[in-house]
Structures are given as structure tokens and as C-alpha cells.
């Protein structure tokens, strides 16, 4: 399971950013409140990066929520950070 983190600032918008608003899954989107985020290291990604972005977006939309996804580094690992924005 992925840990929800608070007070991680959302970087400014840039190319490749996905703003999307899912069904139950291993990602904690349903439990998130606006401003929460979680990190997915690329070492745990078993599909394409674009496929993962789509999966997260579909989940969020299914719960009536919106997310923002950025590619970044956390604790020395590259991956996606997902924020709940609405």
C-alpha cells in the first residue's frame, strides 16, 4: 500500500502534467483529502508510465475526485507523485 503524505507542495505546471479527476485499487485515492499526495517509485510500476497515469486518472474520476501527477524524485528514487487537487 502507498502512504498518504501531507504538506508536499505541488510543483508548478509543466509539459507532461496530467490533471484528471476511479474504481477501488491499491492506490489510496478514495481516502485522500485535498492537498494529500503519495509517491509511486518507478521500480514498482509494471505497466507503461502513460498507462499508470491513465489508471490513476480513471480511479480518481470514479470517486468524483481530481488529481495532478508529476514525475519527480523522492528519497533518491524516481517516480510519480500523485496529489488530490479537488
PDB file of N, CA and C in Angstrom:
ATOM      1  N   UNK A   1       0.849  -1.180   0.000  1.00  0.00           N
ATOM      2  CA  UNK A   1       0.000   0.000   0.000  1.00  0.00           C
ATOM      3  C   UNK A   1       0.890   1.236   0.000  1.00  0.00           C
ATOM      4  N   UNK A   2       0.380   2.299  -0.557  1.00  0.00           N
ATOM      5  CA  UNK A   2       1.139   3.542  -0.643  1.00  0.00           C
ATOM      6  C   UNK A   2       0.740   4.462   0.495  1.00  0.00           C
ATOM      7  N   UNK A   3       1.706   5.155   1.061  1.00  0.00           N
ATOM      8  CA  UNK A   3       1.488   6.045   2.195  1.00  0.00           C
ATOM      9  C   UNK A   3       1.021   7.416   1.714  1.00  0.00           C
ATOM     10  N   UNK A   4      -0.066   7.911   2.304  1.00  0.00           N
ATOM     11  CA  UNK A   4      -0.538   9.259   2.011  1.00  0.00           C
ATOM     12  C   UNK A   4       0.308  10.230   2.807  1.00  0.00           C
ATOM     13  N   UNK A   5       0.796  11.275   2.133  1.00  0.00           N
ATOM     14  CA  UNK A   5       1.617  12.273   2.797  1.00  0.00           C
ATOM     15  C   UNK A   5       0.938  13.629   2.715  1.00  0.00           C
ATOM     16  N   UNK A   6       1.176  14.458   3.715  1.00  0.00           N
ATOM     17  CA  UNK A   6       0.586  15.791   3.758  1.00  0.00           C
ATOM     18  C   UNK A   6       1.676  16.843   3.604  1.00  0.00           C
ATOM     19  N   UNK A   7       1.268  18.031   3.157  1.00  0.00           N
ATOM     20  CA  UNK A   7       2.141  19.195   3.058  1.00  0.00           C
ATOM     21  C   UNK A   7       3.299  19.026   2.086  1.00  0.00           C
ATOM     22  N   UNK A   8       3.114  18.269   1.006  1.00  0.00           N
ATOM     23  CA  UNK A   8       4.104  18.186  -0.065  1.00  0.00           C
ATOM     24  C   UNK A   8       3.621  19.166  -1.135  1.00  0.00           C
ATOM     25  N   UNK A   9       4.357  20.249  -1.406  1.00  0.00           N
ATOM     26  CA  UNK A   9       3.869  21.231  -2.373  1.00  0.00           C
ATOM     27  C   UNK A   9       3.827  20.669  -3.785  1.00  0.00           C
ATOM     28  N   UNK A  10       2.783  21.072  -4.522  1.00  0.00           N
ATOM     29  CA  UNK A  10       2.616  20.677  -5.914  1.00  0.00           C
ATOM     30  C   UNK A  10       3.494  21.572  -6.771  1.00  0.00           C
ATOM     31  N   UNK A  11       4.449  21.007  -7.541  1.00  0.00           N
ATOM     32  CA  UNK A  11       5.299  21.837  -8.396  1.00  0.00           C
ATOM     33  C   UNK A  11       4.472  22.567  -9.449  1.00  0.00           C
ATOM     34  N   UNK A  12       5.014  23.655  -9.954  1.00  0.00           N
ATOM     35  CA  UNK A  12       4.305  24.410 -10.978  1.00  0.00           C
ATOM     36  C   UNK A  12       4.088  23.539 -12.204  1.00  0.00           C
ATOM     37  N   UNK A  13       3.064  23.876 -12.964  1.00  0.00           N
ATOM     38  CA  UNK A  13       2.689  23.107 -14.142  1.00  0.00           C
ATOM     39  C   UNK A  13       3.810  23.102 -15.171  1.00  0.00           C
ATOM     40  N   UNK A  14       3.942  21.990 -15.881  1.00  0.00           N
ATOM     41  CA  UNK A  14       4.922  21.871 -16.953  1.00  0.00           C
ATOM     42  C   UNK A  14       4.452  20.799 -17.919  1.00  0.00           C
ATOM     43  N   UNK A  15       5.132  20.654 -19.049  1.00  0.00           N
ATOM     44  CA  UNK A  15       4.754  19.671 -20.057  1.00  0.00           C
ATOM     45  C   UNK A  15       4.693  18.274 -19.435  1.00  0.00           C
ATOM     46  N   UNK A  16       3.712  17.509 -19.836  1.00  0.00           N
ATOM     47  CA  UNK A  16       3.579  16.145 -19.337  1.00  0.00           C
ATOM     48  C   UNK A  16       2.726  16.023 -18.096  1.00  0.00           C
ATOM     49  N   UNK A  17       2.161  17.126 -17.625  1.00  0.00           N
ATOM     50  CA  UNK A  17       1.336  17.100 -16.426  1.00  0.00           C
ATOM     51  C   UNK A  17      -0.059  16.623 -16.788  1.00  0.00           C
ATOM     52  N   UNK A  18      -0.612  15.785 -15.953  1.00  0.00           N
ATOM     53  CA  UNK A  18      -1.960  15.277 -16.184  1.00  0.00           C
ATOM     54  C   UNK A  18      -2.843  15.740 -15.033  1.00  0.00           C
ATOM     55  N   UNK A  19      -3.926  16.457 -15.350  1.00  0.00           N
ATOM     56  CA  UNK A  19      -4.932  16.829 -14.366  1.00  0.00           C
ATOM     57  C   UNK A  19      -6.165  15.989 -14.668  1.00  0.00           C
ATOM     58  N   UNK A  20      -6.455  15.051 -13.817  1.00  0.00           N
ATOM     59  CA  UNK A  20      -7.586  14.167 -14.058  1.00  0.00           C
ATOM     60  C   UNK A  20      -8.389  14.005 -12.778  1.00  0.00           C
ATOM     61  N   UNK A  21      -9.510  13.745 -12.956  1.00  0.00           N
ATOM     62  CA  UNK A  21     -10.342  13.572 -11.819  1.00  0.00           C
ATOM     63  C   UNK A  21     -10.641  12.094 -11.552  1.00  0.00           C
ATOM     64  N   UNK A  22     -12.063   6.961 -10.074  1.00  0.00           N
ATOM     65  CA  UNK A  22     -11.563   5.678 -10.281  1.00  0.00           C
ATOM     66  C   UNK A  22     -12.278   4.579  -9.572  1.00  0.00           C
ATOM     67  N   UNK A  23     -12.051   3.522  -9.632  1.00  0.00           N
ATOM     68  CA  UNK A  23     -12.538   2.329  -9.003  1.00  0.00           C
ATOM     69  C   UNK A  23     -11.540   1.918  -7.940  1.00  0.00           C
ATOM     70  N   UNK A  24     -11.961   1.036  -7.026  1.00  0.00           N
ATOM     71  CA  UNK A  24     -11.087   0.633  -5.921  1.00  0.00           C
ATOM     72  C   UNK A  24      -9.813  -0.017  -6.445  1.00  0.00           C
ATOM     73  N   UNK A  25      -8.707   0.259  -5.802  1.00  0.00           N
ATOM     74  CA  UNK A  25      -7.436  -0.310  -6.223  1.00  0.00           C
ATOM     75  C   UNK A  25      -6.425  -0.228  -5.106  1.00  0.00           C
ATOM     76  N   UNK A  26      -5.184  -0.503  -5.453  1.00  0.00           N
ATOM     77  CA  UNK A  26      -4.101  -0.440  -4.483  1.00  0.00           C
ATOM     78  C   UNK A  26      -3.695   0.989  -4.162  1.00  0.00           C
ATOM     79  N   UNK A  27      -4.188   1.965  -4.934  1.00  0.00           N
ATOM     80  CA  UNK A  27      -3.842   3.359  -4.693  1.00  0.00           C
ATOM     81  C   UNK A  27      -4.859   3.985  -3.731  1.00  0.00           C
ATOM     82  N   UNK A  28      -4.420   4.812  -2.784  1.00  0.00           N
ATOM     83  CA  UNK A  28      -5.315   5.315  -1.723  1.00  0.00           C
ATOM     84  C   UNK A  28      -6.115   6.557  -2.101  1.00  0.00           C
ATOM     85  N   UNK A  29      -6.553   6.660  -3.339  1.00  0.00           N
ATOM     86  CA  UNK A  29      -7.230   7.870  -3.804  1.00  0.00           C
ATOM     87  C   UNK A  29      -8.509   8.139  -3.016  1.00  0.00           C
ATOM     88  N   UNK A  30      -9.267   7.118  -2.721  1.00  0.00           N
ATOM     89  CA  UNK A  30     -10.539   7.300  -2.020  1.00  0.00           C
ATOM     90  C   UNK A  30     -10.343   7.951  -0.644  1.00  0.00           C
ATOM     91  N   UNK A  31      -9.242   7.641   0.048  1.00  0.00           N
ATOM     92  CA  UNK A  31      -9.011   8.145   1.401  1.00  0.00           C
ATOM     93  C   UNK A  31      -8.363   9.524   1.437  1.00  0.00           C
ATOM     94  N   UNK A  32      -7.937  10.024   0.299  1.00  0.00           N
ATOM     95  CA  UNK A  32      -7.187  11.284   0.262  1.00  0.00           C
ATOM     96  C   UNK A  32      -8.107  12.494   0.411  1.00  0.00           C
ATOM     97  N   UNK A  33      -7.590  13.530   1.083  1.00  0.00           N
ATOM     98  CA  UNK A  33      -8.258  14.822   1.127  1.00  0.00           C
ATOM     99  C   UNK A  33      -7.439  15.787   0.274  1.00  0.00           C
ATOM    100  N   UNK A  34      -8.028  16.904  -0.093  1.00  0.00           N
ATOM    101  CA  UNK A  34      -7.342  17.867  -0.955  1.00  0.00           C
ATOM    102  C   UNK A  34      -6.011  18.274  -0.315  1.00  0.00           C
ATOM    103  N   UNK A  35      -4.953  18.205  -1.112  1.00  0.00           N
ATOM    104  CA  UNK A  35      -3.601  18.536  -0.646  1.00  0.00           C
ATOM    105  C   UNK A  35      -2.762  17.322  -0.297  1.00  0.00           C
ATOM    106  N   UNK A  36      -3.394  16.154  -0.058  1.00  0.00           N
ATOM    107  CA  UNK A  36      -2.637  14.926   0.220  1.00  0.00           C
ATOM    108  C   UNK A  36      -1.954  14.439  -1.051  1.00  0.00           C
ATOM    109  N   UNK A  37      -0.876  13.679  -0.883  1.00  0.00           N
ATOM    110  CA  UNK A  37      -0.186  13.092  -2.030  1.00  0.00           C
ATOM    111  C   UNK A  37       0.410  11.752  -1.632  1.00  0.00           C
ATOM    112  N   UNK A  38       0.747  10.961  -2.644  1.00  0.00           N
ATOM    113  CA  UNK A  38       1.501   9.724  -2.417  1.00  0.00           C
ATOM    114  C   UNK A  38       2.483   9.551  -3.560  1.00  0.00           C
ATOM    115  N   UNK A  39       3.548   8.772  -3.308  1.00  0.00           N
ATOM    116  CA  UNK A  39       4.633   8.586  -4.262  1.00  0.00           C
ATOM    117  C   UNK A  39       4.654   7.144  -4.739  1.00  0.00           C
ATOM    118  N   UNK A  40       4.806   6.962  -6.059  1.00  0.00           N
ATOM    119  CA  UNK A  40       4.920   5.629  -6.657  1.00  0.00           C
ATOM    120  C   UNK A  40       6.285   5.538  -7.332  1.00  0.00           C
ATOM    121  N   UNK A  41       7.234   4.789  -6.749  1.00  0.00           N
ATOM    122  CA  UNK A  41       8.546   4.664  -7.406  1.00  0.00           C
ATOM    123  C   UNK A  41       8.429   3.867  -8.705  1.00  0.00           C
ATOM    124  N   UNK A  42       9.199   4.267  -9.708  1.00  0.00           N
ATOM    125  CA  UNK A  42       9.154   3.580 -10.999  1.00  0.00           C
ATOM    126  C   UNK A  42       9.513   2.103 -10.862  1.00  0.00           C
ATOM    127  N   UNK A  43      10.251   1.730  -9.837  1.00  0.00           N
ATOM    128  CA  UNK A  43      10.603   0.315  -9.644  1.00  0.00           C
ATOM    129  C   UNK A  43       9.376  -0.538  -9.356  1.00  0.00           C
ATOM    130  N   UNK A  44       8.258   0.077  -8.925  1.00  0.00           N
ATOM    131  CA  UNK A  44       7.022  -0.662  -8.642  1.00  0.00           C
ATOM    132  C   UNK A  44       6.015  -0.581  -9.776  1.00  0.00           C
ATOM    133  N   UNK A  45       6.366   0.115 -10.855  1.00  0.00           N
ATOM    134  CA  UNK A  45       5.458   0.282 -11.983  1.00  0.00           C
ATOM    135  C   UNK A  45       5.611  -0.910 -12.918  1.00  0.00           C
ATOM    136  N   UNK A  46       4.507  -1.635 -13.161  1.00  0.00           N
ATOM    137  CA  UNK A  46       4.561  -2.823 -14.015  1.00  0.00           C
ATOM    138  C   UNK A  46       3.949  -2.577 -15.388  1.00  0.00           C
ATOM    139  N   UNK A  47       3.429  -1.361 -15.623  1.00  0.00           N
ATOM    140  CA  UNK A  47       2.894  -1.015 -16.931  1.00  0.00           C
ATOM    141  C   UNK A  47       3.647   0.216 -17.430  1.00  0.00           C
ATOM    142  N   UNK A  48       3.247   0.729 -18.572  1.00  0.00           N
ATOM    143  CA  UNK A  48       3.902   1.929 -19.077  1.00  0.00           C
ATOM    144  C   UNK A  48       3.573   3.110 -18.168  1.00  0.00           C
ATOM    145  N   UNK A  49       4.421   4.120 -18.188  1.00  0.00           N
ATOM    146  CA  UNK A  49       4.177   5.306 -17.370  1.00  0.00           C
ATOM    147  C   UNK A  49       2.873   5.968 -17.788  1.00  0.00           C
ATOM    148  N   UNK A  50       2.611   6.042 -19.082  1.00  0.00           N
ATOM    149  CA  UNK A  50       1.374   6.644 -19.565  1.00  0.00           C
ATOM    150  C   UNK A  50       0.168   5.811 -19.136  1.00  0.00           C
ATOM    151  N   UNK A  51       0.308   4.488 -19.153  1.00  0.00           N
ATOM    152  CA  UNK A  51      -0.769   3.608 -18.708  1.00  0.00           C
ATOM    153  C   UNK A  51      -1.098   3.809 -17.237  1.00  0.00           C
ATOM    154  N   UNK A  52      -0.057   4.003 -16.423  1.00  0.00           N
ATOM    155  CA  UNK A  52      -0.262   4.238 -14.999  1.00  0.00           C
ATOM    156  C   UNK A  52      -0.981   5.564 -14.774  1.00  0.00           C
ATOM    157  N   UNK A  53      -0.583   6.600 -15.499  1.00  0.00           N
ATOM    158  CA  UNK A  53      -1.269   7.897 -15.394  1.00  0.00           C
ATOM    159  C   UNK A  53      -2.757   7.741 -15.710  1.00  0.00           C
ATOM    160  N   UNK A  54      -3.069   6.989 -16.765  1.00  0.00           N
ATOM    161  CA  UNK A  54      -4.461   6.761 -17.140  1.00  0.00           C
ATOM    162  C   UNK A  54      -5.228   5.999 -16.083  1.00  0.00           C
ATOM    163  N   UNK A  55      -4.604   4.986 -15.515  1.00  0.00           N
ATOM    164  CA  UNK A  55      -5.252   4.175 -14.481  1.00  0.00           C
ATOM    165  C   UNK A  55      -5.589   5.036 -13.263  1.00  0.00           C
ATOM    166  N   UNK A  56      -4.653   5.859 -12.835  1.00  0.00           N
ATOM    167  CA  UNK A  56      -4.892   6.724 -11.676  1.00  0.00           C
ATOM    168  C   UNK A  56      -5.998   7.730 -11.985  1.00  0.00           C
ATOM    169  N   UNK A  57      -5.963   8.304 -13.182  1.00  0.00           N
ATOM    170  CA  UNK A  57      -6.997   9.255 -13.571  1.00  0.00           C
ATOM    171  C   UNK A  57      -8.376   8.632 -13.595  1.00  0.00           C
ATOM    172  N   UNK A  58      -8.482   7.425 -14.122  1.00  0.00           N
ATOM    173  CA  UNK A  58      -9.772   6.727 -14.158  1.00  0.00           C
ATOM    174  C   UNK A  58     -10.299   6.445 -12.760  1.00  0.00           C
ATOM    175  N   UNK A  59      -9.412   6.041 -11.867  1.00  0.00           N
ATOM    176  CA  UNK A  59      -9.811   5.781 -10.477  1.00  0.00           C
ATOM    177  C   UNK A  59     -10.344   7.049  -9.825  1.00  0.00           C
ATOM    178  N   UNK A  60      -9.595   8.132  -9.979  1.00  0.00           N
ATOM    179  CA  UNK A  60      -9.992   9.394  -9.352  1.00  0.00           C
ATOM    180  C   UNK A  60     -11.354   9.858  -9.879  1.00  0.00           C
ATOM    181  N   UNK A  61     -11.549   9.790 -11.184  1.00  0.00           N
ATOM    182  CA  UNK A  61     -12.834  10.191 -11.776  1.00  0.00           C
ATOM    183  C   UNK A  61     -13.979   9.364 -11.226  1.00  0.00           C
ATOM    184  N   UNK A  62     -13.743   8.078 -11.036  1.00  0.00           N
ATOM    185  CA  UNK A  62     -14.779   7.194 -10.497  1.00  0.00           C
ATOM    186  C   UNK A  62     -15.209   7.572  -9.091  1.00  0.00           C
ATOM    187  N   UNK A  63     -14.320   8.216  -8.342  1.00  0.00           N
ATOM    188  CA  UNK A  63     -14.635   8.682  -6.994  1.00  0.00           C
ATOM    189  C   UNK A  63     -15.064  10.141  -6.987  1.00  0.00           C
ATOM    190  N   UNK A  64     -15.156  10.761  -8.177  1.00  0.00           N
ATOM    191  CA  UNK A  64     -15.539  12.164  -8.257  1.00  0.00           C
ATOM    192  C   UNK A  64     -14.456  13.100  -7.763  1.00  0.00           C
ATOM    193  N   UNK A  65     -13.200  12.685  -7.877  1.00  0.00           N
ATOM    194  CA  UNK A  65     -12.073  13.487  -7.396  1.00  0.00           C
ATOM    195  C   UNK A  65     -11.162  13.825  -8.563  1.00  0.00           C
ATOM    196  N   UNK A  66     -10.306  14.811  -8.369  1.00  0.00           N
ATOM    197  CA  UNK A  66      -9.325  15.174  -9.385  1.00  0.00           C
ATOM    198  C   UNK A  66      -7.933  15.073  -8.787  1.00  0.00           C
ATOM    199  N   UNK A  67      -7.002  14.656  -9.619  1.00  0.00           N
ATOM    200  CA  UNK A  67      -5.614  14.512  -9.181  1.00  0.00           C
ATOM    201  C   UNK A  67      -4.682  15.228 -10.144  1.00  0.00           C
ATOM    202  N   UNK A  68      -3.490  15.501  -9.667  1.00  0.00           N
ATOM    203  CA  UNK A  68      -2.408  16.008 -10.501  1.00  0.00           C
ATOM    204  C   UNK A  68      -1.233  15.066 -10.303  1.00  0.00           C
ATOM    205  N   UNK A  69      -0.528  14.756 -11.374  1.00  0.00           N
ATOM    206  CA  UNK A  69       0.579  13.797 -11.329  1.00  0.00           C
ATOM    207  C   UNK A  69       1.828  14.473 -11.863  1.00  0.00           C
ATOM    208  N   UNK A  70       2.931  14.321 -11.143  1.00  0.00           N
ATOM    209  CA  UNK A  70       4.215  14.852 -11.582  1.00  0.00           C
ATOM    210  C   UNK A  70       5.264  13.753 -11.500  1.00  0.00           C
ATOM    211  N   UNK A  71       6.171  13.748 -12.465  1.00  0.00           N
ATOM    212  CA  UNK A  71       7.346  12.887 -12.406  1.00  0.00           C
ATOM    213  C   UNK A  71       8.380  13.613 -11.567  1.00  0.00           C
ATOM    214  N   UNK A  72       8.895  12.976 -10.538  1.00  0.00           N
ATOM    215  CA  UNK A  72       9.868  13.622  -9.664  1.00  0.00           C
ATOM    216  C   UNK A  72      10.666  12.593  -8.883  1.00  0.00           C
ATOM    217  N   UNK A  73      11.541  13.080  -8.020  1.00  0.00           N
ATOM    218  CA  UNK A  73      12.373  12.229  -7.178  1.00  0.00           C
ATOM    219  C   UNK A  73      11.915  12.369  -5.733  1.00  0.00           C
ATOM    220  N   UNK A  74      11.937  11.259  -5.001  1.00  0.00           N
ATOM    221  CA  UNK A  74      11.623  11.267  -3.580  1.00  0.00           C
ATOM    222  C   UNK A  74      12.519  10.241  -2.894  1.00  0.00           C
ATOM    223  N   UNK A  75      13.256  10.669  -1.917  1.00  0.00           N
ATOM    224  CA  UNK A  75      14.179   9.785  -1.179  1.00  0.00           C
ATOM    225  C   UNK A  75      15.128   9.037  -2.110  1.00  0.00           C
ATOM    226  N   UNK A  76      15.620   9.714  -3.129  1.00  0.00           N
ATOM    227  CA  UNK A  76      16.591   9.126  -4.042  1.00  0.00           C
ATOM    228  C   UNK A  76      16.012   8.226  -5.117  1.00  0.00           C
ATOM    229  N   UNK A  77      14.693   8.112  -5.202  1.00  0.00           N
ATOM    230  CA  UNK A  77      14.062   7.258  -6.209  1.00  0.00           C
ATOM    231  C   UNK A  77      13.233   8.110  -7.163  1.00  0.00           C
ATOM    232  N   UNK A  78      13.294   7.799  -8.459  1.00  0.00           N
ATOM    233  CA  UNK A  78      12.454   8.472  -9.440  1.00  0.00           C
ATOM    234  C   UNK A  78      11.086   7.796  -9.481  1.00  0.00           C
ATOM    235  N   UNK A  79      10.047   8.595  -9.717  1.00  0.00           N
ATOM    236  CA  UNK A  79       8.710   8.028  -9.802  1.00  0.00           C
ATOM    237  C   UNK A  79       7.681   9.105 -10.019  1.00  0.00           C
ATOM    238  N   UNK A  80       6.415   8.743  -9.768  1.00  0.00           N
ATOM    239  CA  UNK A  80       5.297   9.669  -9.865  1.00  0.00           C
ATOM    240  C   UNK A  80       4.862  10.067  -8.465  1.00  0.00           C
ATOM    241  N   UNK A  81       4.539  11.348  -8.270  1.00  0.00           N
ATOM    242  CA  UNK A  81       3.844  11.783  -7.063  1.00  0.00           C
ATOM    243  C   UNK A  81       2.447  12.206  -7.527  1.00  0.00           C
ATOM    244  N   UNK A  82       1.450  11.736  -6.802  1.00  0.00           N
ATOM    245  CA  UNK A  82       0.046  11.997  -7.129  1.00  0.00           C
ATOM    246  C   UNK A  82      -0.560  12.835  -6.015  1.00  0.00           C
ATOM    247  N   UNK A  83      -1.127  13.997  -6.382  1.00  0.00           N
ATOM    248  CA  UNK A  83      -1.802  14.884  -5.440  1.00  0.00           C
ATOM    249  C   UNK A  83      -3.294  14.863  -5.684  1.00  0.00           C
ATOM    250  N   UNK A  84      -4.090  14.956  -4.629  1.00  0.00           N
ATOM    251  CA  UNK A  84      -5.523  15.217  -4.789  1.00  0.00           C
ATOM    252  C   UNK A  84      -5.668  16.727  -4.831  1.00  0.00           C
ATOM    253  N   UNK A  85      -6.303  17.248  -5.898  1.00  0.00           N
ATOM    254  CA  UNK A  85      -6.448  18.690  -6.055  1.00  0.00           C
ATOM    255  C   UNK A  85      -7.896  19.154  -5.934  1.00  0.00           C
ATOM    256  N   UNK A  86      -8.867  18.264  -6.075  1.00  0.00           N
ATOM    257  CA  UNK A  86     -10.291  18.604  -5.898  1.00  0.00           C
ATOM    258  C   UNK A  86     -11.018  17.405  -5.369  1.00  0.00           C
TER     259      UNK A  86
END
